[in-house]
Amino acid sequence: MDNLHFLGEKILEKKYEIAKMVHVHRRADLKEVKDVNLTDEEIIELRANFISYFGRAIMEKLDQKTLLDQIVKWGKQSGEFASNLGVSLNEALEDTTYYRTFIWEILKEEIKKNNMSIDTVFELSSIIDPLLDKAVFAFSLTYVNIHHETLKKAKSAFLELSVPVVPITKGIAVLPLVGEVDPERATLLLEETLEKANILQLSHLLFDLSGVMIVDTMVAHQIFKIVEALGLLGVKTILIGIRPEVAQTMIQLGIDFSKITIKANLEQALLGLNLTIDSLEDKDS
């Protein structure tokens, strides 16, 4: 019998044995990830199916394109599965080492037992290693793409929540700005503020900067743009809550807010509008 055909049969014959060896080394990691709904038997079955690709590749010398397509499909499915479970990419890729190690352990045992030549080893390597590398590439690419999309959606959700225009009373709202203002957030800030000012029919917007630790020239420029744009809508902007250290930085940078109304806090701003917190509470009740 052809050596490769014989060794391929051995891999198929022992695919569950290899799958269990891989699983024993990875079980601890799998139990730490979230929402693992598969049983050990189901996971071992998935591993055995993957190992069978290599047995068939060695034994049958399948058409390379067909086999590569199957390997890539497995890599994509596994990459999506690992990403959804929350397994880190480093941990997930450790499987590759175990598959390679235990498949070769079985092969080496059979090669020694049957006194096969070094040429057989090289031929096996030329089949197994490229397939495993292709699976790893497909797995990693899928994992990274899904992870990137997840981060993108999370950032988008965060940005939308980071522009909370809160109505106080008719025509008046407060925008508490918290955290760093990067160019992407600044663009969204301008768009969302104008849209909400129009929807709420605002006459005044209280721009609360107490949660902003740093105001540089870029942030100041964005604030000026928002104030000017709101002014075109007939909305007067009042800055409140500028922190002492931020005020000091603004002076050092030569940022001029003299043309914008500034109040120390919300209460002062409301008093300037002939409103008090007590009067607002009375309206609410």
Protein backbone atom coordinates (compact mmCIF):
# COMPACT_ATOMS: atom_id res chain seq x y z
CA MET A 1 0.00 0.00 0.00
CA ASP A 2 1.20 3.53 -0.75
CA ASN A 3 2.82 5.07 2.34
CA LEU A 4 0.84 8.31 2.14
CA HIS A 5 -2.45 6.46 1.70
CA PHE A 6 -1.60 4.34 4.74
CA LEU A 7 -0.69 7.37 6.88
CA GLY A 8 -3.81 9.25 5.79
CA GLU A 9 -5.92 6.29 6.91
CA LYS A 10 -4.15 6.34 10.27
CA ILE A 11 -4.99 10.03 10.77
CA LEU A 12 -8.66 9.32 9.96
CA GLU A 13 -8.62 6.29 12.19
CA LYS A 14 -7.18 8.25 15.11
CA LYS A 15 -8.86 11.60 14.51
CA TYR A 16 -10.89 11.35 17.72
CA GLU A 17 -7.80 10.39 19.70
CA ILE A 18 -5.99 13.48 18.35
CA ALA A 19 -9.06 15.66 18.92
CA LYS A 20 -9.26 14.54 22.55
CA MET A 21 -5.56 15.28 23.11
CA VAL A 22 -6.03 18.80 21.72
CA HIS A 23 -9.18 19.26 23.77
CA VAL A 24 -7.57 18.16 27.04
CA HIS A 25 -4.92 20.86 26.60
CA ARG A 26 -7.51 23.52 25.69
CA ARG A 27 -10.41 22.64 28.03
CA ALA A 28 -9.32 25.04 30.78
CA ASP A 29 -9.29 27.99 28.36
CA LEU A 30 -12.68 27.08 26.91
CA LYS A 31 -14.28 27.05 30.36
CA GLU A 32 -13.10 30.60 30.99
CA VAL A 33 -14.79 32.15 27.96
CA LYS A 34 -18.37 33.34 27.88
CA ASP A 35 -21.47 31.48 26.71
CA VAL A 36 -19.91 28.14 25.79
CA ASN A 37 -23.07 26.22 24.90
CA LEU A 38 -21.33 23.24 23.30
CA THR A 39 -20.66 20.06 25.21
CA ASP A 40 -17.19 18.51 25.33
CA GLU A 41 -18.39 15.82 22.90
CA GLU A 42 -19.62 18.43 20.41
CA ILE A 43 -16.33 20.35 20.57
CA ILE A 44 -14.34 17.13 20.11
CA GLU A 45 -16.52 16.31 17.09
CA LEU A 46 -15.67 19.71 15.57
CA ARG A 47 -11.98 19.13 16.19
CA ALA A 48 -12.13 15.61 14.71
CA ASN A 49 -13.82 16.95 11.58
CA PHE A 50 -11.00 19.44 11.15
CA ILE A 51 -8.36 16.74 11.61
CA SER A 52 -10.11 14.58 9.00
CA TYR A 53 -9.23 17.18 6.34
CA PHE A 54 -5.56 16.33 6.82
CA GLY A 55 -6.18 12.59 6.73
CA ARG A 56 -8.10 12.91 3.49
CA ALA A 57 -5.49 15.25 2.02
CA ILE A 58 -2.73 12.72 2.72
CA MET A 59 -4.70 9.62 1.77
CA GLU A 60 -6.70 10.72 -1.23
CA LYS A 61 -4.48 13.49 -2.61
CA LEU A 62 -7.62 15.53 -3.15
CA ASP A 63 -7.82 18.39 -5.59
CA GLN A 64 -5.92 21.21 -3.84
CA LYS A 65 -8.49 23.89 -4.64
CA THR A 66 -11.38 21.82 -3.23
CA LEU A 67 -9.48 21.06 -0.06
CA LEU A 68 -8.26 24.63 0.37
CA ASP A 69 -11.84 25.89 -0.01
CA GLN A 70 -12.94 23.51 2.75
CA ILE A 71 -10.05 24.55 4.99
CA VAL A 72 -10.77 28.25 4.43
CA LYS A 73 -14.46 27.68 5.21
CA TRP A 74 -13.49 25.93 8.46
CA GLY A 75 -11.11 28.78 9.34
CA LYS A 76 -13.79 31.42 8.79
CA GLN A 77 -16.40 29.54 10.83
CA SER A 78 -13.94 28.89 13.66
CA GLY A 79 -12.71 32.49 13.63
CA GLU A 80 -16.27 33.74 13.96
CA PHE A 81 -17.00 31.20 16.69
CA ALA A 82 -13.89 32.15 18.73
CA SER A 83 -14.52 35.88 18.33
CA ASN A 84 -18.15 35.57 19.46
CA LEU A 85 -17.07 33.53 22.49
CA GLY A 86 -14.60 36.23 23.51
CA VAL A 87 -11.53 34.00 23.19
CA SER A 88 -8.40 36.10 22.62
CA LEU A 89 -6.64 35.61 19.29
CA ASN A 90 -3.46 34.45 21.03
CA GLU A 91 -5.33 31.78 22.97
CA ALA A 92 -7.29 30.65 19.95
CA LEU A 93 -4.15 30.27 17.84
CA GLU A 94 -2.65 27.97 20.46
CA ASP A 95 -4.95 25.31 18.98
CA THR A 96 -2.80 25.39 15.86
CA THR A 97 0.26 24.33 17.81
CA TYR A 98 -1.60 21.46 19.42
CA TYR A 99 -3.10 20.23 16.14
CA ARG A 100 0.31 20.30 14.48
CA THR A 101 2.02 18.62 17.45
CA PHE A 102 -0.44 15.76 17.94
CA ILE A 103 -0.98 15.05 14.23
CA TRP A 104 2.78 14.73 13.81
CA GLU A 105 3.07 12.58 16.94
CA ILE A 106 0.75 10.00 15.37
CA LEU A 107 2.54 10.23 12.04
CA LYS A 108 6.02 9.89 13.56
CA GLU A 109 4.93 6.84 15.51
CA GLU A 110 3.67 5.15 12.34
CA ILE A 111 6.69 6.25 10.27
CA LYS A 112 9.13 4.76 12.81
CA LYS A 113 7.07 1.59 13.26
CA ASN A 114 7.01 0.98 9.50
CA ASN A 115 10.57 2.19 8.75
CA MET A 116 9.40 4.77 6.23
CA SER A 117 11.92 6.97 4.42
CA ILE A 118 12.77 10.62 5.06
CA ASP A 119 11.21 11.38 1.66
CA THR A 120 7.84 10.37 3.12
CA VAL A 121 8.32 12.88 5.95
CA PHE A 122 9.11 15.69 3.51
CA GLU A 123 6.12 14.79 1.36
CA LEU A 124 3.85 14.79 4.41
CA SER A 125 5.21 18.17 5.48
CA SER A 126 4.49 19.60 2.03
CA ILE A 127 0.83 18.58 2.43
CA ILE A 128 0.12 19.24 6.12
CA ASP A 129 1.94 22.49 6.81
CA PRO A 130 0.51 24.59 3.92
CA LEU A 131 -3.03 23.44 4.79
CA LEU A 132 -2.62 24.29 8.44
CA ASP A 133 -1.07 27.66 7.57
CA LYS A 134 -4.01 28.41 5.26
CA ALA A 135 -6.47 27.51 8.03
CA VAL A 136 -4.64 29.80 10.47
CA PHE A 137 -4.67 32.66 7.95
CA ALA A 138 -8.41 32.30 7.26
CA PHE A 139 -9.12 31.98 10.98
CA SER A 140 -7.03 35.03 11.94
CA LEU A 141 -8.39 37.21 9.14
CA THR A 142 -11.99 36.41 10.06
CA TYR A 143 -11.34 36.91 13.77
CA VAL A 144 -9.63 40.28 13.25
CA ASN A 145 -12.36 41.52 10.87
CA ILE A 146 -15.15 40.59 13.29
CA HIS A 147 -13.23 42.10 16.21
CA HIS A 148 -12.68 45.29 14.20
CA GLU A 149 -16.37 45.54 13.33
CA THR A 150 -17.32 44.97 16.98
CA LEU A 151 -15.00 47.77 18.12
CA LYS A 152 -16.31 50.02 15.37
CA LYS A 153 -19.92 49.47 16.45
CA ALA A 154 -19.01 49.96 20.11
CA LYS A 155 -17.22 53.21 19.33
CA SER A 156 -20.14 54.41 17.22
CA ALA A 157 -22.57 53.63 20.07
CA PHE A 158 -20.29 55.41 22.54
CA LEU A 159 -20.03 58.48 20.33
CA GLU A 160 -23.80 58.69 19.99
CA LEU A 161 -24.19 58.49 23.76
CA SER A 162 -21.45 61.07 24.25
CA VAL A 163 -23.62 63.94 22.95
CA PRO A 164 -26.46 64.02 25.50
CA VAL A 165 -28.42 67.24 24.94
CA VAL A 166 -30.69 67.29 28.01
CA PRO A 167 -33.76 69.61 28.02
CA ILE A 168 -34.10 71.64 31.23
CA THR A 169 -37.17 73.65 30.41
CA LYS A 170 -38.85 74.93 27.27
CA GLY A 171 -36.22 76.31 24.91
CA ILE A 172 -33.29 75.58 27.26
CA ALA A 173 -31.07 72.50 27.39
CA VAL A 174 -27.71 71.49 28.80
CA LEU A 175 -24.96 69.55 27.03
CA PRO A 176 -22.63 67.93 29.59
CA LEU A 177 -19.42 67.16 27.71
CA VAL A 178 -17.26 64.47 29.31
CA GLY A 179 -13.86 63.15 28.28
CA GLU A 180 -11.53 63.78 25.38
CA VAL A 181 -12.69 65.49 22.20
CA ASP A 182 -10.97 63.97 19.16
CA PRO A 183 -11.72 65.04 15.55
CA GLU A 184 -14.26 62.23 15.01
CA ARG A 185 -16.16 63.05 18.17
CA ALA A 186 -15.95 66.78 17.41
CA THR A 187 -17.63 66.23 14.02
CA LEU A 188 -20.41 64.18 15.62
CA LEU A 189 -20.74 66.76 18.39
CA LEU A 190 -21.41 69.52 15.86
CA GLU A 191 -23.91 67.44 13.85
CA GLU A 192 -25.83 66.06 16.82
CA THR A 193 -25.95 69.37 18.70
CA LEU A 194 -27.38 71.24 15.71
CA GLU A 195 -29.92 68.50 15.03
CA LYS A 196 -31.11 68.32 18.64
CA ALA A 197 -31.19 72.11 18.98
CA ASN A 198 -33.50 72.24 15.98
CA ILE A 199 -35.72 69.36 17.19
CA LEU A 200 -36.03 70.84 20.70
CA GLN A 201 -36.50 74.39 19.34
CA LEU A 202 -33.84 75.73 21.70
CA SER A 203 -33.18 79.36 22.44
CA HIS A 204 -30.27 78.62 24.81
CA LEU A 205 -27.80 75.76 25.15
CA LEU A 206 -25.71 75.45 28.30
CA PHE A 207 -22.42 73.85 27.28
CA ASP A 208 -21.06 72.15 30.43
CA LEU A 209 -17.28 71.62 30.22
CA SER A 210 -16.77 70.45 33.81
CA GLY A 211 -16.03 66.91 32.58
CA VAL A 212 -13.40 68.03 30.08
CA MET A 213 -9.86 67.78 31.44
CA ILE A 214 -8.02 69.26 28.45
CA VAL A 215 -8.97 72.12 26.13
CA ASP A 216 -6.37 72.70 23.43
CA THR A 217 -6.59 74.82 20.31
CA MET A 218 -8.38 72.05 18.39
CA VAL A 219 -11.06 71.62 21.06
CA ALA A 220 -11.44 75.39 21.36
CA HIS A 221 -11.83 75.66 17.58
CA GLN A 222 -14.58 73.03 17.64
CA ILE A 223 -16.38 74.83 20.45
CA PHE A 224 -16.23 78.08 18.46
CA LYS A 225 -17.66 76.28 15.41
CA ILE A 226 -20.54 74.88 17.48
CA VAL A 227 -21.29 78.27 19.02
CA GLU A 228 -21.25 79.98 15.61
CA ALA A 229 -23.41 77.28 14.01
CA LEU A 230 -25.93 77.41 16.86
CA GLY A 231 -25.96 81.20 16.54
CA LEU A 232 -27.10 80.84 12.92
CA LEU A 233 -30.05 78.82 14.26
CA GLY A 234 -30.84 81.56 16.76
CA VAL A 235 -29.51 79.58 19.71
CA LYS A 236 -27.37 81.38 22.28
CA THR A 237 -24.62 79.25 23.84
CA ILE A 238 -23.41 79.64 27.41
CA LEU A 239 -20.25 77.85 28.54
CA ILE A 240 -20.31 76.59 32.11
CA GLY A 241 -18.11 74.54 34.43
CA ILE A 242 -14.67 75.36 33.03
CA ARG A 243 -12.15 73.79 35.43
CA PRO A 244 -9.43 76.06 36.96
CA GLU A 245 -6.59 74.06 35.38
CA VAL A 246 -8.34 74.17 32.00
CA ALA A 247 -8.82 77.94 32.33
CA GLN A 248 -5.10 78.32 33.08
CA THR A 249 -4.19 76.26 30.01
CA MET A 250 -6.51 78.33 27.83
CA ILE A 251 -4.81 81.52 28.98
CA GLN A 252 -1.36 80.09 28.28
CA LEU A 253 -2.46 79.05 24.78
CA GLY A 254 -3.96 82.48 24.14
CA ILE A 255 -7.45 81.08 23.52
CA ASP A 256 -9.96 83.93 23.55
CA PHE A 257 -13.47 83.13 24.77
CA SER A 258 -14.31 86.76 25.47
CA LYS A 259 -17.09 86.84 22.86
CA ILE A 260 -18.86 83.86 24.43
CA THR A 261 -20.97 84.04 27.59
CA ILE A 262 -19.30 82.05 30.38
CA LYS A 263 -20.75 81.15 33.78
CA ALA A 264 -19.16 79.25 36.66
CA ASN A 265 -21.89 76.64 36.97
CA LEU A 266 -25.41 75.66 36.03
CA GLU A 267 -27.03 77.69 38.79
CA GLN A 268 -25.32 80.92 37.69
CA ALA A 269 -26.29 80.28 34.08
CA LEU A 270 -29.93 79.75 35.04
CA LEU A 271 -29.93 82.88 37.19
CA GLY A 272 -28.65 84.81 34.19
CA LEU A 273 -31.69 83.53 32.32
CA ASN A 274 -33.98 84.59 35.20
CA LEU A 275 -34.45 80.96 36.16
CA THR A 276 -33.56 79.05 39.30
CA ILE A 277 -33.31 75.35 40.04
CA ASP A 278 -36.21 75.72 42.50
CA SER A 279 -38.43 77.30 39.85
CA LEU A 280 -37.62 74.47 37.45
CA GLU A 281 -38.52 71.90 40.10
CA ASP A 282 -41.81 73.73 40.72
CA LYS A 283 -42.58 73.50 36.98
CA ASP A 284 -41.82 69.79 36.95
CA SER A 285 -44.13 69.16 39.89
